[in-house]
Structures are given as structure tokens and as C-alpha cells.
Amino acid sequence: MNTASVAELERLPGVGPVLAERIITYRKEHGRFRRVEHLMMVRGISDRRFRELRSLVRVD
């Protein structure tokens, strides 16, 4: 999550261009994600969507 580009994020299920941009913007404004759970702080990432993504992402 901390180094992924918009194109890479869009390959995740349920992540389109708008949500990918929100993730990038959040990362730029708040710094690196320290835990995968912090992804839920991005507008548009619901609990359900997070559960779908959790096993597919990491925050190295």
C-alpha cells in the first residue's frame, strides 16, 4: 500500500480509479500506512471492502 501506483491499486478487486486516487492522496497527506487496518481511514473503504482486500495488501 505504501508504494503502489494508481494502476497497481486498480488491479485490486473493488478498487477503481477514484478509490485508487483517494488511497494515494491519503498516503501523501498522512504518510505511510503503518498497519493494513489504517486503510479503512480512506473514504470509500468500508468494513466489507477492507475484508475483501486485507489478504491481498501489505504495508511494508
C-alpha atoms as a PDB file:
ATOM      1  CA  MET A   1       0.000   0.000   0.000  1.00  0.00           C
ATOM      2  CA  ASN A   2       2.847   2.375   0.671  1.00  0.00           C
ATOM      3  CA  THR A   3       4.493   2.117  -2.730  1.00  0.00           C
ATOM      4  CA  ALA A   4       1.666   1.034  -5.046  1.00  0.00           C
ATOM      5  CA  SER A   5       0.798   3.195  -8.022  1.00  0.00           C
ATOM      6  CA  VAL A   6      -2.740   4.056  -9.088  1.00  0.00           C
ATOM      7  CA  ALA A   7      -2.550   1.373 -11.799  1.00  0.00           C
ATOM      8  CA  GLU A   8      -1.439  -1.256  -9.280  1.00  0.00           C
ATOM      9  CA  LEU A   9      -4.182  -0.317  -6.831  1.00  0.00           C
ATOM     10  CA  GLU A  10      -6.795  -0.527  -9.582  1.00  0.00           C
ATOM     11  CA  ARG A  11      -5.965  -4.205 -10.044  1.00  0.00           C
ATOM     12  CA  LEU A  12      -7.380  -4.917  -6.586  1.00  0.00           C
ATOM     13  CA  PRO A  13     -10.997  -6.117  -6.522  1.00  0.00           C
ATOM     14  CA  GLY A  14     -13.442  -3.268  -5.984  1.00  0.00           C
ATOM     15  CA  VAL A  15     -10.811  -0.540  -6.394  1.00  0.00           C
ATOM     16  CA  GLY A  16     -11.409   1.745  -9.350  1.00  0.00           C
ATOM     17  CA  PRO A  17      -9.615   4.909 -10.416  1.00  0.00           C
ATOM     18  CA  VAL A  18     -11.396   7.165  -7.917  1.00  0.00           C
ATOM     19  CA  LEU A  19     -10.699   4.969  -4.907  1.00  0.00           C
ATOM     20  CA  ALA A  20      -7.115   4.375  -6.024  1.00  0.00           C
ATOM     21  CA  GLU A  21      -6.577   8.154  -6.180  1.00  0.00           C
ATOM     22  CA  ARG A  22      -8.083   8.529  -2.694  1.00  0.00           C
ATOM     23  CA  ILE A  23      -5.644   5.966  -1.331  1.00  0.00           C
ATOM     24  CA  ILE A  24      -2.700   7.774  -2.930  1.00  0.00           C
ATOM     25  CA  THR A  25      -3.946  11.157  -1.704  1.00  0.00           C
ATOM     26  CA  TYR A  26      -4.427   9.832   1.829  1.00  0.00           C
ATOM     27  CA  ARG A  27      -0.903   8.409   1.772  1.00  0.00           C
ATOM     28  CA  LYS A  28       0.551  11.743   0.610  1.00  0.00           C
ATOM     29  CA  GLU A  29      -1.344  13.740   3.241  1.00  0.00           C
ATOM     30  CA  HIS A  30      -0.891  11.411   6.232  1.00  0.00           C
ATOM     31  CA  GLY A  31       2.270   9.481   5.456  1.00  0.00           C
ATOM     32  CA  ARG A  32       2.821   5.775   5.074  1.00  0.00           C
ATOM     33  CA  PHE A  33       0.252   3.282   6.269  1.00  0.00           C
ATOM     34  CA  ARG A  34       1.643   1.681   9.433  1.00  0.00           C
ATOM     35  CA  ARG A  35      -0.958  -1.107   9.590  1.00  0.00           C
ATOM     36  CA  VAL A  36      -3.226  -2.621   6.969  1.00  0.00           C
ATOM     37  CA  GLU A  37      -6.220  -1.625   9.121  1.00  0.00           C
ATOM     38  CA  HIS A  38      -5.398   2.045   8.558  1.00  0.00           C
ATOM     39  CA  LEU A  39      -6.687   1.575   5.023  1.00  0.00           C
ATOM     40  CA  MET A  40     -10.193   1.853   6.498  1.00  0.00           C
ATOM     41  CA  MET A  41      -9.499   5.525   7.185  1.00  0.00           C
ATOM     42  CA  VAL A  42      -9.671   6.201   3.442  1.00  0.00           C
ATOM     43  CA  ARG A  43     -13.114   7.400   2.378  1.00  0.00           C
ATOM     44  CA  GLY A  44     -14.789   4.650   0.397  1.00  0.00           C
ATOM     45  CA  ILE A  45     -13.143   1.716   2.169  1.00  0.00           C
ATOM     46  CA  SER A  46     -15.976   0.083   4.084  1.00  0.00           C
ATOM     47  CA  ASP A  47     -15.575  -2.791   6.522  1.00  0.00           C
ATOM     48  CA  ARG A  48     -16.768  -5.183   3.825  1.00  0.00           C
ATOM     49  CA  ARG A  49     -14.344  -3.863   1.205  1.00  0.00           C
ATOM     50  CA  PHE A  50     -11.498  -3.950   3.723  1.00  0.00           C
ATOM     51  CA  ARG A  51     -12.196  -7.603   4.495  1.00  0.00           C
ATOM     52  CA  GLU A  52     -12.008  -8.357   0.756  1.00  0.00           C
ATOM     53  CA  LEU A  53      -8.664  -6.546   0.431  1.00  0.00           C
ATOM     54  CA  ARG A  54      -6.969  -7.455   3.693  1.00  0.00           C
ATOM     55  CA  SER A  55      -5.326 -10.659   2.495  1.00  0.00           C
ATOM     56  CA  LEU A  56      -4.200  -9.016  -0.754  1.00  0.00           C
ATOM     57  CA  VAL A  57      -2.319  -5.996   0.607  1.00  0.00           C
ATOM     58  CA  ARG A  58       0.570  -5.263   2.921  1.00  0.00           C
ATOM     59  CA  VAL A  59       2.213  -2.138   4.309  1.00  0.00           C
ATOM     60  CA  ASP A  60       5.957  -2.974   4.334  1.00  0.00           C
END
